[in-house]
Each structure stands twice: as structure tokens, then as C-alpha cells.
Amino acid sequence: MTVYIFTPEDLLRYGSINEEQLELLKKTLLEKDDILIVGRNRSGKTKLVEALVHLIPEEWKIAVVTAYNEFKPFKGNIHIINTEFNSESLERRTEEVIEQIKRLNPDYVIIDTLHTVSVPQLLKKLIDEYPFIITSLVLSNDLISEIKHWLKIDEDTLGKFEIVVKLAFDFRTHSRSVDAIYRIAEEGEKVKLEKIL
């Protein structure tokens, strides 16, 4: 059985994204900004990541940290770092992933909703060295609290990201779409989201 990999053109065709949103995300990627993609279950987070990978230049190396080989290397510049639960501690498993990322020295690191490594530990060591695209579950409209809860990151780490893309899933029509794109801004010691599109 083959798995269909979504492209940016597919997202436009099915109304999952509009031209302005796509252009903003393309510009964000080319500037190597850090991106959070958030939404409920089945909202299309992985499909959006797949489409965005098509916008990353072919000569850039992409490290994808995934669990149990769930993300497929559908382009030559994708390097899979697979993780799974084993006898090692979460901290040691995470250190091994950090070492693999450093050896690869990628232009982008993608983390697609996984719990087999410690995302806070990984980000603490690497977010100042590499740009990230990370997906996260959110179950309410309080996006900042939801992101911090599900990724287990603090305010300081969240503030290092530039963009949050919120996805929506319509249970009646089963359609998925980009609901809003926010810029992360600092307000004193807190972070806040400013809607761009």
C-alpha cells in the first residue's frame, strides 16, 4: 500500500490553506524561523508538515525525529532519526537523538508529535543552533497553555519560536484547514500570540 504525500498544491486545491498563508509560511521557512503547528487530533498536522517540506530547498538537510518509523523519507534531503521506547531512560534516548542531530548538522529539524524523547531537553540543547518545525496537540483555544502542557516546555522556550500555525478540523465535513497564523511576541516576562492571518 502506498502513502500519498501532500504537496502545497494539494493544500490549495482542497482549500486547506490560502495563497497568502502559504506565501507567509514559505517566507518563514526560507528565513529558517522556528514554527509550531498545532491542532486537535486528525486536524492535518503531519500533512501540513509534509507539504511544507516541499518548500524547503533541495540542498538543505532536514532531520526528522519520528517514532516507530512513522514519517517517511519521501525526498532525498530528509534524514530520519527514528526513536522508540526501549530499556534506556528517556533522558539517555534524548541525548542519543541530540548527538545524531549534531552529527547530521541539518538546516531544519522536524519533530512530529512524539513522546519517545524529551522535547524540552532536546530544545534546551538545540533550539539556539537549529531551526525547528514542531507539531503539538491542542484541545482548547488557550493555545499558549496547551502548547506548554503538551510539549512540556516553559515560557522561555516557547518565546524562542516565531510562528504558530493553528489548524482546524470540521467533524461534519472532515475538512482540515489552516485556521490562523500567529506571531509569538514577548510581553514583559510572558509571551503572547499576535494574529497575522
N, C-alpha and C. Protein backbone atom coordinates (compact mmCIF):
# COMPACT_ATOMS: atom_id res chain seq x y z
N MET A 1 0.84 -1.18 0.00
CA MET A 1 0.00 0.00 0.00
C MET A 1 0.89 1.25 0.00
N THR A 2 0.61 2.19 -0.87
CA THR A 2 1.39 3.42 -0.92
C THR A 2 0.72 4.50 -0.07
N VAL A 3 1.52 5.39 0.46
CA VAL A 3 1.01 6.51 1.25
C VAL A 3 1.16 7.77 0.42
N TYR A 4 0.07 8.52 0.25
CA TYR A 4 0.14 9.73 -0.55
C TYR A 4 0.74 10.87 0.28
N ILE A 5 1.73 11.53 -0.27
CA ILE A 5 2.38 12.66 0.40
C ILE A 5 1.79 13.96 -0.13
N PHE A 6 1.23 14.76 0.76
CA PHE A 6 0.60 16.00 0.35
C PHE A 6 1.63 17.04 -0.09
N THR A 7 1.25 17.83 -1.07
CA THR A 7 2.07 18.92 -1.58
C THR A 7 1.38 20.25 -1.27
N PRO A 8 2.09 21.37 -1.40
CA PRO A 8 1.42 22.67 -1.22
C PRO A 8 0.25 22.86 -2.19
N GLU A 9 0.40 22.34 -3.40
CA GLU A 9 -0.67 22.45 -4.40
C GLU A 9 -1.92 21.70 -3.95
N ASP A 10 -1.73 20.56 -3.29
CA ASP A 10 -2.87 19.82 -2.75
C ASP A 10 -3.61 20.64 -1.70
N LEU A 11 -2.85 21.28 -0.82
CA LEU A 11 -3.47 22.09 0.24
C LEU A 11 -4.32 23.21 -0.37
N LEU A 12 -3.79 23.84 -1.42
CA LEU A 12 -4.54 24.90 -2.10
C LEU A 12 -5.78 24.34 -2.79
N ARG A 13 -5.63 23.21 -3.47
CA ARG A 13 -6.73 22.60 -4.22
C ARG A 13 -7.90 22.27 -3.32
N TYR A 14 -7.60 21.76 -2.11
CA TYR A 14 -8.68 21.33 -1.22
C TYR A 14 -9.10 22.41 -0.23
N GLY A 15 -8.58 23.61 -0.40
CA GLY A 15 -8.98 24.71 0.46
C GLY A 15 -8.45 24.61 1.87
N SER A 16 -7.38 23.83 2.06
CA SER A 16 -6.79 23.68 3.39
C SER A 16 -5.93 24.88 3.78
N ILE A 17 -5.54 25.65 2.78
CA ILE A 17 -4.71 26.83 3.00
C ILE A 17 -5.00 27.80 1.87
N ASN A 18 -4.79 29.10 2.11
CA ASN A 18 -4.95 30.05 1.01
C ASN A 18 -3.56 30.54 0.56
N GLU A 19 -3.54 31.23 -0.56
CA GLU A 19 -2.27 31.68 -1.16
C GLU A 19 -1.46 32.54 -0.20
N GLU A 20 -2.13 33.44 0.50
CA GLU A 20 -1.43 34.36 1.41
C GLU A 20 -0.79 33.60 2.57
N GLN A 21 -1.52 32.65 3.13
CA GLN A 21 -0.98 31.83 4.22
C GLN A 21 0.22 31.01 3.75
N LEU A 22 0.08 30.44 2.56
CA LEU A 22 1.17 29.61 2.02
C LEU A 22 2.42 30.44 1.77
N GLU A 23 2.24 31.63 1.22
CA GLU A 23 3.39 32.51 0.96
C GLU A 23 4.08 32.91 2.26
N LEU A 24 3.29 33.18 3.30
CA LEU A 24 3.87 33.54 4.59
C LEU A 24 4.69 32.38 5.15
N LEU A 25 4.16 31.17 5.05
CA LEU A 25 4.88 30.01 5.57
C LEU A 25 6.14 29.72 4.75
N LYS A 26 6.06 29.93 3.44
CA LYS A 26 7.25 29.74 2.60
C LYS A 26 8.35 30.73 3.00
N LYS A 27 7.97 31.98 3.20
CA LYS A 27 8.93 33.02 3.61
C LYS A 27 9.52 32.67 4.99
N THR A 28 8.68 32.19 5.90
CA THR A 28 9.13 31.80 7.24
C THR A 28 10.15 30.68 7.17
N LEU A 29 9.88 29.68 6.32
CA LEU A 29 10.81 28.56 6.14
C LEU A 29 12.14 29.03 5.58
N LEU A 30 12.10 29.85 4.56
CA LEU A 30 13.33 30.30 3.91
C LEU A 30 14.18 31.18 4.82
N GLU A 31 13.53 31.81 5.81
CA GLU A 31 14.26 32.60 6.80
C GLU A 31 14.73 31.74 7.98
N LYS A 32 14.42 30.45 7.92
CA LYS A 32 14.80 29.49 8.97
C LYS A 32 14.27 29.89 10.34
N ASP A 33 13.02 30.32 10.37
CA ASP A 33 12.35 30.63 11.63
C ASP A 33 11.78 29.36 12.24
N ASP A 34 11.57 29.39 13.54
CA ASP A 34 11.01 28.24 14.26
C ASP A 34 9.48 28.28 14.19
N ILE A 35 8.88 27.14 13.86
CA ILE A 35 7.44 27.06 13.60
C ILE A 35 6.82 25.99 14.48
N LEU A 36 5.69 26.35 15.11
CA LEU A 36 4.86 25.38 15.83
C LEU A 36 3.58 25.18 15.03
N ILE A 37 3.22 23.92 14.78
CA ILE A 37 1.98 23.59 14.08
C ILE A 37 1.09 22.86 15.08
N VAL A 38 -0.07 23.44 15.38
CA VAL A 38 -0.90 22.90 16.45
C VAL A 38 -2.32 22.65 15.97
N GLY A 39 -2.97 21.69 16.62
CA GLY A 39 -4.36 21.39 16.29
C GLY A 39 -4.82 20.16 17.05
N ARG A 40 -6.12 19.89 16.93
CA ARG A 40 -6.70 18.69 17.54
C ARG A 40 -6.25 17.46 16.78
N ASN A 41 -6.61 16.30 17.30
CA ASN A 41 -6.38 15.05 16.58
C ASN A 41 -7.04 15.12 15.21
N ARG A 42 -6.36 14.59 14.21
CA ARG A 42 -6.88 14.49 12.84
C ARG A 42 -7.07 15.85 12.15
N SER A 43 -6.40 16.89 12.67
CA SER A 43 -6.55 18.21 12.05
C SER A 43 -5.59 18.42 10.88
N GLY A 44 -4.69 17.46 10.62
CA GLY A 44 -3.81 17.55 9.46
C GLY A 44 -2.42 18.09 9.74
N LYS A 45 -1.95 17.95 10.98
CA LYS A 45 -0.63 18.48 11.33
C LYS A 45 0.48 17.85 10.50
N THR A 46 0.48 16.52 10.41
CA THR A 46 1.53 15.83 9.66
C THR A 46 1.41 16.13 8.17
N LYS A 47 0.21 16.20 7.65
CA LYS A 47 0.01 16.51 6.23
C LYS A 47 0.55 17.91 5.91
N LEU A 48 0.35 18.87 6.81
CA LEU A 48 0.90 20.21 6.59
C LEU A 48 2.43 20.16 6.62
N VAL A 49 3.00 19.41 7.55
CA VAL A 49 4.46 19.28 7.61
C VAL A 49 4.99 18.71 6.29
N GLU A 50 4.34 17.64 5.79
CA GLU A 50 4.75 17.05 4.52
C GLU A 50 4.75 18.10 3.40
N ALA A 51 3.68 18.87 3.35
CA ALA A 51 3.59 19.89 2.29
C ALA A 51 4.67 20.96 2.45
N LEU A 52 4.94 21.36 3.69
CA LEU A 52 5.97 22.38 3.91
C LEU A 52 7.35 21.89 3.54
N VAL A 53 7.61 20.60 3.72
CA VAL A 53 8.91 20.04 3.36
C VAL A 53 9.19 20.26 1.86
N HIS A 54 8.15 20.25 1.04
CA HIS A 54 8.31 20.51 -0.39
C HIS A 54 8.82 21.93 -0.67
N LEU A 55 8.62 22.84 0.30
CA LEU A 55 9.04 24.24 0.12
C LEU A 55 10.46 24.49 0.60
N ILE A 56 11.05 23.51 1.27
CA ILE A 56 12.42 23.65 1.76
C ILE A 56 13.37 23.30 0.62
N PRO A 57 14.37 24.16 0.36
CA PRO A 57 15.28 23.91 -0.76
C PRO A 57 15.90 22.52 -0.73
N GLU A 58 16.07 21.95 -1.92
CA GLU A 58 16.59 20.58 -2.07
C GLU A 58 17.98 20.41 -1.45
N GLU A 59 18.77 21.49 -1.45
CA GLU A 59 20.14 21.36 -0.94
C GLU A 59 20.20 21.46 0.59
N TRP A 60 19.08 21.76 1.24
CA TRP A 60 19.05 21.83 2.70
C TRP A 60 18.83 20.43 3.27
N LYS A 61 19.55 20.10 4.34
CA LYS A 61 19.34 18.83 5.03
C LYS A 61 18.23 18.99 6.06
N ILE A 62 17.32 18.02 6.08
CA ILE A 62 16.20 18.04 7.02
C ILE A 62 16.31 16.81 7.91
N ALA A 63 16.39 17.02 9.22
CA ALA A 63 16.36 15.92 10.17
C ALA A 63 14.93 15.79 10.69
N VAL A 64 14.36 14.61 10.55
CA VAL A 64 13.01 14.37 11.06
C VAL A 64 13.09 13.37 12.20
N VAL A 65 12.75 13.84 13.40
CA VAL A 65 12.73 12.95 14.57
C VAL A 65 11.32 12.37 14.64
N THR A 66 11.24 11.05 14.52
CA THR A 66 9.95 10.38 14.47
C THR A 66 9.98 9.14 15.35
N ALA A 67 8.81 8.60 15.64
CA ALA A 67 8.72 7.40 16.47
C ALA A 67 8.23 6.23 15.62
N TYR A 68 8.87 5.10 15.77
CA TYR A 68 8.45 3.86 15.12
C TYR A 68 8.32 4.02 13.59
N ASN A 69 9.24 4.78 13.01
CA ASN A 69 9.31 4.97 11.54
C ASN A 69 8.01 5.51 10.93
N GLU A 70 7.31 6.38 11.67
CA GLU A 70 6.02 6.88 11.17
C GLU A 70 6.17 7.90 10.04
N PHE A 71 7.27 8.65 10.01
CA PHE A 71 7.47 9.65 8.96
C PHE A 71 8.34 9.04 7.88
N LYS A 72 7.91 9.15 6.64
CA LYS A 72 8.63 8.52 5.53
C LYS A 72 9.57 9.51 4.83
N PRO A 73 10.78 9.07 4.48
CA PRO A 73 11.74 9.96 3.79
C PRO A 73 11.42 10.05 2.30
N PHE A 74 10.42 10.88 1.98
CA PHE A 74 9.92 10.94 0.60
C PHE A 74 10.75 11.85 -0.31
N LYS A 75 11.76 12.51 0.27
CA LYS A 75 12.70 13.32 -0.53
C LYS A 75 14.12 12.94 -0.11
N GLY A 76 15.06 13.14 -1.03
CA GLY A 76 16.45 12.75 -0.77
C GLY A 76 17.12 13.52 0.34
N ASN A 77 16.63 14.73 0.66
CA ASN A 77 17.28 15.55 1.70
C ASN A 77 16.68 15.33 3.08
N ILE A 78 15.76 14.36 3.21
CA ILE A 78 15.17 14.03 4.52
C ILE A 78 16.00 12.92 5.17
N HIS A 79 16.43 13.17 6.40
CA HIS A 79 17.19 12.18 7.16
C HIS A 79 16.37 11.81 8.40
N ILE A 80 15.95 10.57 8.46
CA ILE A 80 15.09 10.11 9.55
C ILE A 80 15.92 9.73 10.77
N ILE A 81 15.51 10.25 11.93
CA ILE A 81 16.08 9.83 13.20
C ILE A 81 14.93 9.14 13.94
N ASN A 82 14.95 7.83 13.93
CA ASN A 82 13.85 7.05 14.49
C ASN A 82 14.05 6.81 15.98
N THR A 83 12.97 6.91 16.74
CA THR A 83 13.03 6.64 18.17
C THR A 83 11.91 5.66 18.55
N GLU A 84 12.14 4.93 19.60
CA GLU A 84 11.09 4.07 20.15
C GLU A 84 11.42 3.77 21.59
N PHE A 85 10.39 3.41 22.34
CA PHE A 85 10.62 3.07 23.73
C PHE A 85 11.48 1.82 23.82
N ASN A 86 12.50 1.88 24.69
CA ASN A 86 13.37 0.72 24.90
C ASN A 86 13.85 0.74 26.36
N SER A 87 14.86 -0.02 26.66
CA SER A 87 15.31 -0.14 28.05
C SER A 87 16.05 1.10 28.56
N GLU A 88 16.44 1.98 27.65
CA GLU A 88 17.16 3.19 28.07
C GLU A 88 16.20 4.21 28.67
N SER A 89 16.73 5.09 29.49
CA SER A 89 15.90 6.13 30.09
C SER A 89 15.52 7.16 29.02
N LEU A 90 14.48 7.91 29.30
CA LEU A 90 14.03 8.97 28.40
C LEU A 90 15.17 9.97 28.16
N GLU A 91 15.89 10.31 29.22
CA GLU A 91 16.99 11.28 29.11
C GLU A 91 18.10 10.75 28.20
N ARG A 92 18.46 9.48 28.37
CA ARG A 92 19.53 8.90 27.55
C ARG A 92 19.11 8.78 26.09
N ARG A 93 17.87 8.36 25.86
CA ARG A 93 17.35 8.28 24.49
C ARG A 93 17.40 9.66 23.83
N THR A 94 17.02 10.68 24.59
CA THR A 94 17.01 12.04 24.06
C THR A 94 18.42 12.50 23.74
N GLU A 95 19.39 12.19 24.63
CA GLU A 95 20.79 12.56 24.38
C GLU A 95 21.30 11.91 23.10
N GLU A 96 20.91 10.68 22.85
CA GLU A 96 21.33 10.00 21.62
C GLU A 96 20.77 10.70 20.39
N VAL A 97 19.51 11.15 20.47
CA VAL A 97 18.91 11.88 19.35
C VAL A 97 19.63 13.21 19.15
N ILE A 98 19.95 13.89 20.24
CA ILE A 98 20.68 15.16 20.16
C ILE A 98 22.03 14.95 19.47
N GLU A 99 22.72 13.88 19.84
CA GLU A 99 24.01 13.57 19.22
C GLU A 99 23.85 13.30 17.72
N GLN A 100 22.81 12.58 17.34
CA GLN A 100 22.57 12.30 15.92
C GLN A 100 22.28 13.58 15.14
N ILE A 101 21.49 14.47 15.73
CA ILE A 101 21.19 15.74 15.07
C ILE A 101 22.47 16.55 14.88
N LYS A 102 23.29 16.62 15.91
CA LYS A 102 24.53 17.39 15.81
C LYS A 102 25.47 16.81 14.75
N ARG A 103 25.54 15.48 14.66
CA ARG A 103 26.38 14.85 13.64
C ARG A 103 25.86 15.18 12.24
N LEU A 104 24.56 15.17 12.08
CA LEU A 104 23.95 15.46 10.78
C LEU A 104 24.09 16.94 10.42
N ASN A 105 24.01 17.82 11.43
CA ASN A 105 24.08 19.27 11.25
C ASN A 105 23.09 19.75 10.18
N PRO A 106 21.78 19.54 10.45
CA PRO A 106 20.77 19.86 9.43
C PRO A 106 20.45 21.35 9.34
N ASP A 107 19.77 21.70 8.27
CA ASP A 107 19.27 23.07 8.10
C ASP A 107 17.93 23.25 8.77
N TYR A 108 17.20 22.17 8.99
CA TYR A 108 15.93 22.20 9.72
C TYR A 108 15.77 20.90 10.49
N VAL A 109 15.14 20.99 11.67
CA VAL A 109 14.80 19.81 12.47
C VAL A 109 13.28 19.79 12.59
N ILE A 110 12.68 18.65 12.26
CA ILE A 110 11.24 18.47 12.39
C ILE A 110 10.98 17.44 13.49
N ILE A 111 10.07 17.79 14.40
CA ILE A 111 9.61 16.85 15.43
C ILE A 111 8.11 16.75 15.28
N ASP A 112 7.63 15.55 14.95
CA ASP A 112 6.21 15.37 14.68
C ASP A 112 5.53 14.58 15.81
N THR A 113 5.02 15.32 16.79
CA THR A 113 4.25 14.79 17.92
C THR A 113 4.74 13.44 18.40
N LEU A 114 5.77 13.43 19.22
CA LEU A 114 6.24 12.15 19.75
C LEU A 114 6.56 12.26 21.23
N HIS A 115 6.47 11.12 21.89
CA HIS A 115 6.68 11.08 23.34
C HIS A 115 7.80 10.11 23.71
N THR A 116 8.56 9.68 22.71
CA THR A 116 9.65 8.74 22.98
C THR A 116 10.94 9.45 23.34
N VAL A 117 10.96 10.77 23.19
CA VAL A 117 12.10 11.57 23.66
C VAL A 117 11.56 12.77 24.43
N SER A 118 12.44 13.45 25.15
CA SER A 118 12.05 14.64 25.90
C SER A 118 12.22 15.87 25.02
N VAL A 119 11.10 16.43 24.57
CA VAL A 119 11.15 17.62 23.72
C VAL A 119 11.79 18.80 24.47
N PRO A 120 11.45 19.05 25.75
CA PRO A 120 12.10 20.17 26.45
C PRO A 120 13.63 20.03 26.51
N GLN A 121 14.11 18.81 26.80
CA GLN A 121 15.56 18.57 26.87
C GLN A 121 16.20 18.81 25.51
N LEU A 122 15.54 18.34 24.46
CA LEU A 122 16.07 18.49 23.11
C LEU A 122 16.14 19.96 22.70
N LEU A 123 15.06 20.69 22.99
CA LEU A 123 15.03 22.11 22.63
C LEU A 123 16.02 22.92 23.45
N LYS A 124 16.16 22.59 24.72
CA LYS A 124 17.10 23.33 25.57
C LYS A 124 18.51 23.26 25.00
N LYS A 125 18.87 22.09 24.46
CA LYS A 125 20.22 21.90 23.91
C LYS A 125 20.40 22.45 22.49
N LEU A 126 19.30 22.49 21.70
CA LEU A 126 19.48 22.71 20.26
C LEU A 126 18.75 23.90 19.64
N ILE A 127 17.78 24.49 20.32
CA ILE A 127 16.96 25.49 19.64
C ILE A 127 17.75 26.74 19.25
N ASP A 128 18.85 27.01 19.93
CA ASP A 128 19.67 28.17 19.54
C ASP A 128 20.62 27.85 18.39
N GLU A 129 20.72 26.55 18.03
CA GLU A 129 21.62 26.14 16.96
C GLU A 129 20.91 25.82 15.65
N TYR A 130 19.68 25.31 15.74
CA TYR A 130 18.96 24.85 14.55
C TYR A 130 17.52 25.37 14.55
N PRO A 131 16.96 25.61 13.36
CA PRO A 131 15.53 25.95 13.30
C PRO A 131 14.67 24.69 13.40
N PHE A 132 13.51 24.83 14.02
CA PHE A 132 12.63 23.69 14.27
C PHE A 132 11.25 23.89 13.67
N ILE A 133 10.65 22.78 13.24
CA ILE A 133 9.22 22.70 12.98
C ILE A 133 8.72 21.61 13.92
N ILE A 134 7.79 21.97 14.81
CA ILE A 134 7.29 21.01 15.78
C ILE A 134 5.77 21.00 15.76
N THR A 135 5.18 19.81 15.79
CA THR A 135 3.73 19.71 15.87
C THR A 135 3.33 19.43 17.31
N SER A 136 2.15 19.93 17.68
CA SER A 136 1.65 19.70 19.03
C SER A 136 0.13 19.60 19.03
N LEU A 137 -0.36 18.73 19.85
CA LEU A 137 -1.78 18.64 20.11
C LEU A 137 -2.22 19.88 20.87
N VAL A 138 -3.40 20.41 20.54
CA VAL A 138 -4.07 21.41 21.39
C VAL A 138 -5.55 21.04 21.42
N LEU A 139 -6.15 21.14 22.60
CA LEU A 139 -7.56 20.74 22.75
C LEU A 139 -8.46 21.89 23.15
N SER A 140 -7.89 23.08 23.33
CA SER A 140 -8.71 24.26 23.64
C SER A 140 -8.14 25.45 22.88
N ASN A 141 -8.82 26.58 22.98
CA ASN A 141 -8.35 27.79 22.29
C ASN A 141 -7.30 28.55 23.08
N ASP A 142 -6.96 28.09 24.29
CA ASP A 142 -5.89 28.71 25.07
C ASP A 142 -4.57 28.11 24.57
N LEU A 143 -4.13 28.58 23.40
CA LEU A 143 -3.01 27.94 22.70
C LEU A 143 -1.72 27.93 23.50
N ILE A 144 -1.41 29.03 24.17
CA ILE A 144 -0.15 29.10 24.91
C ILE A 144 -0.12 28.04 26.01
N SER A 145 -1.18 27.95 26.80
CA SER A 145 -1.24 26.94 27.86
C SER A 145 -1.22 25.53 27.29
N GLU A 146 -1.93 25.31 26.19
CA GLU A 146 -1.98 23.99 25.58
C GLU A 146 -0.61 23.55 25.06
N ILE A 147 0.08 24.45 24.37
CA ILE A 147 1.41 24.13 23.83
C ILE A 147 2.37 23.81 24.98
N LYS A 148 2.35 24.64 26.00
CA LYS A 148 3.24 24.41 27.15
C LYS A 148 2.91 23.08 27.83
N HIS A 149 1.63 22.75 27.91
CA HIS A 149 1.22 21.50 28.55
C HIS A 149 1.66 20.28 27.74
N TRP A 150 1.31 20.26 26.45
CA TRP A 150 1.55 19.06 25.64
C TRP A 150 3.02 18.86 25.30
N LEU A 151 3.75 19.95 25.08
CA LEU A 151 5.18 19.82 24.78
C LEU A 151 6.04 19.85 26.04
N LYS A 152 5.41 20.22 27.17
CA LYS A 152 6.11 20.32 28.46
C LYS A 152 7.26 21.32 28.42
N ILE A 153 7.03 22.42 27.69
CA ILE A 153 8.06 23.46 27.59
C ILE A 153 7.67 24.66 28.44
N ASP A 154 8.66 25.47 28.80
CA ASP A 154 8.39 26.65 29.61
C ASP A 154 8.21 27.89 28.73
N GLU A 155 7.90 28.97 29.38
CA GLU A 155 7.64 30.25 28.68
C GLU A 155 8.86 30.70 27.87
N ASP A 156 10.04 30.54 28.45
CA ASP A 156 11.26 30.97 27.79
C ASP A 156 11.49 30.20 26.48
N THR A 157 11.28 28.88 26.51
CA THR A 157 11.45 28.07 25.30
C THR A 157 10.40 28.42 24.26
N LEU A 158 9.16 28.57 24.69
CA LEU A 158 8.09 28.95 23.76
C LEU A 158 8.41 30.27 23.08
N GLY A 159 8.99 31.20 23.82
CA GLY A 159 9.33 32.51 23.28
C GLY A 159 10.41 32.49 22.21
N LYS A 160 11.09 31.38 22.05
CA LYS A 160 12.13 31.26 21.03
C LYS A 160 11.54 30.94 19.65
N PHE A 161 10.27 30.53 19.62
CA PHE A 161 9.60 30.27 18.35
C PHE A 161 9.08 31.57 17.76
N GLU A 162 8.98 31.59 16.43
CA GLU A 162 8.48 32.80 15.77
C GLU A 162 7.01 32.70 15.39
N ILE A 163 6.57 31.53 14.93
CA ILE A 163 5.24 31.39 14.32
C ILE A 163 4.49 30.21 14.93
N VAL A 164 3.18 30.39 15.14
CA VAL A 164 2.28 29.30 15.49
C VAL A 164 1.21 29.19 14.42
N VAL A 165 1.07 28.00 13.84
CA VAL A 165 0.04 27.75 12.84
C VAL A 165 -1.03 26.88 13.51
N LYS A 166 -2.25 27.41 13.62
CA LYS A 166 -3.35 26.66 14.25
C LYS A 166 -4.21 26.05 13.15
N LEU A 167 -4.44 24.75 13.26
CA LEU A 167 -5.25 24.03 12.29
C LEU A 167 -6.63 23.75 12.85
N ALA A 168 -7.59 23.62 11.94
CA ALA A 168 -8.97 23.32 12.33
C ALA A 168 -9.42 22.06 11.61
N PHE A 169 -10.28 21.30 12.28
CA PHE A 169 -10.86 20.08 11.69
C PHE A 169 -12.37 20.15 11.86
N ASP A 170 -13.09 20.08 10.74
CA ASP A 170 -14.55 20.11 10.76
C ASP A 170 -15.06 18.67 10.80
N PHE A 171 -15.66 18.29 11.93
CA PHE A 171 -16.09 16.90 12.11
C PHE A 171 -17.25 16.52 11.18
N ARG A 172 -18.02 17.51 10.72
CA ARG A 172 -19.16 17.21 9.83
C ARG A 172 -18.68 16.91 8.41
N THR A 173 -17.76 17.74 7.91
CA THR A 173 -17.30 17.58 6.53
C THR A 173 -15.96 16.85 6.43
N HIS A 174 -15.30 16.67 7.57
CA HIS A 174 -13.96 16.06 7.64
C HIS A 174 -12.91 16.90 6.91
N SER A 175 -13.18 18.18 6.73
CA SER A 175 -12.20 19.06 6.08
C SER A 175 -11.22 19.60 7.12
N ARG A 176 -9.97 19.78 6.66
CA ARG A 176 -8.91 20.30 7.50
C ARG A 176 -8.39 21.59 6.88
N SER A 177 -8.07 22.56 7.72
CA SER A 177 -7.60 23.82 7.15
C SER A 177 -6.76 24.60 8.16
N VAL A 178 -5.97 25.54 7.63
CA VAL A 178 -5.24 26.47 8.49
C VAL A 178 -6.26 27.48 9.01
N ASP A 179 -6.45 27.48 10.31
CA ASP A 179 -7.44 28.36 10.94
C ASP A 179 -6.86 29.76 11.16
N ALA A 180 -5.60 29.82 11.59
CA ALA A 180 -4.95 31.11 11.85
C ALA A 180 -3.45 30.91 11.95
N ILE A 181 -2.71 32.00 11.66
CA ILE A 181 -1.26 32.01 11.85
C ILE A 181 -0.94 33.17 12.79
N TYR A 182 -0.17 32.86 13.84
CA TYR A 182 0.17 33.86 14.85
C TYR A 182 1.67 34.07 14.91
N ARG A 183 2.06 35.27 15.26
CA ARG A 183 3.45 35.58 15.59
C ARG A 183 3.57 35.51 17.11
N ILE A 184 4.64 34.94 17.60
CA ILE A 184 4.89 34.90 19.05
C ILE A 184 5.65 36.15 19.44
N ALA A 185 5.10 36.89 20.39
CA ALA A 185 5.72 38.14 20.84
C ALA A 185 5.89 38.10 22.36
N GLU A 186 6.83 38.86 22.84
CA GLU A 186 7.06 38.93 24.28
C GLU A 186 6.34 40.13 24.87
N GLU A 187 5.75 39.91 26.03
CA GLU A 187 5.06 40.98 26.76
C GLU A 187 5.55 40.91 28.20
N GLY A 188 6.62 41.67 28.49
CA GLY A 188 7.27 41.54 29.79
C GLY A 188 7.97 40.19 29.85
N GLU A 189 7.65 39.41 30.88
CA GLU A 189 8.25 38.08 31.01
C GLU A 189 7.35 37.01 30.40
N LYS A 190 6.22 37.40 29.86
CA LYS A 190 5.26 36.47 29.27
C LYS A 190 5.34 36.53 27.75
N VAL A 191 4.82 35.48 27.12
CA VAL A 191 4.70 35.51 25.67
C VAL A 191 3.22 35.65 25.32
N LYS A 192 2.96 36.24 24.17
CA LYS A 192 1.57 36.35 23.71
C LYS A 192 1.56 36.05 22.21
N LEU A 193 0.38 35.77 21.69
CA LEU A 193 0.21 35.48 20.27
C LEU A 193 -0.46 36.66 19.59
N GLU A 194 0.14 37.11 18.50
CA GLU A 194 -0.43 38.18 17.69
C GLU A 194 -0.85 37.59 16.35
N LYS A 195 -2.14 37.67 16.05
CA LYS A 195 -2.63 37.07 14.80
C LYS A 195 -2.11 37.81 13.59
N ILE A 196 -1.54 37.07 12.65
CA ILE A 196 -1.06 37.66 11.40
C ILE A 196 -2.10 37.44 10.30
N LEU A 197 -2.53 36.20 10.14
CA LEU A 197 -3.51 35.84 9.11
C LEU A 197 -4.56 34.90 9.70
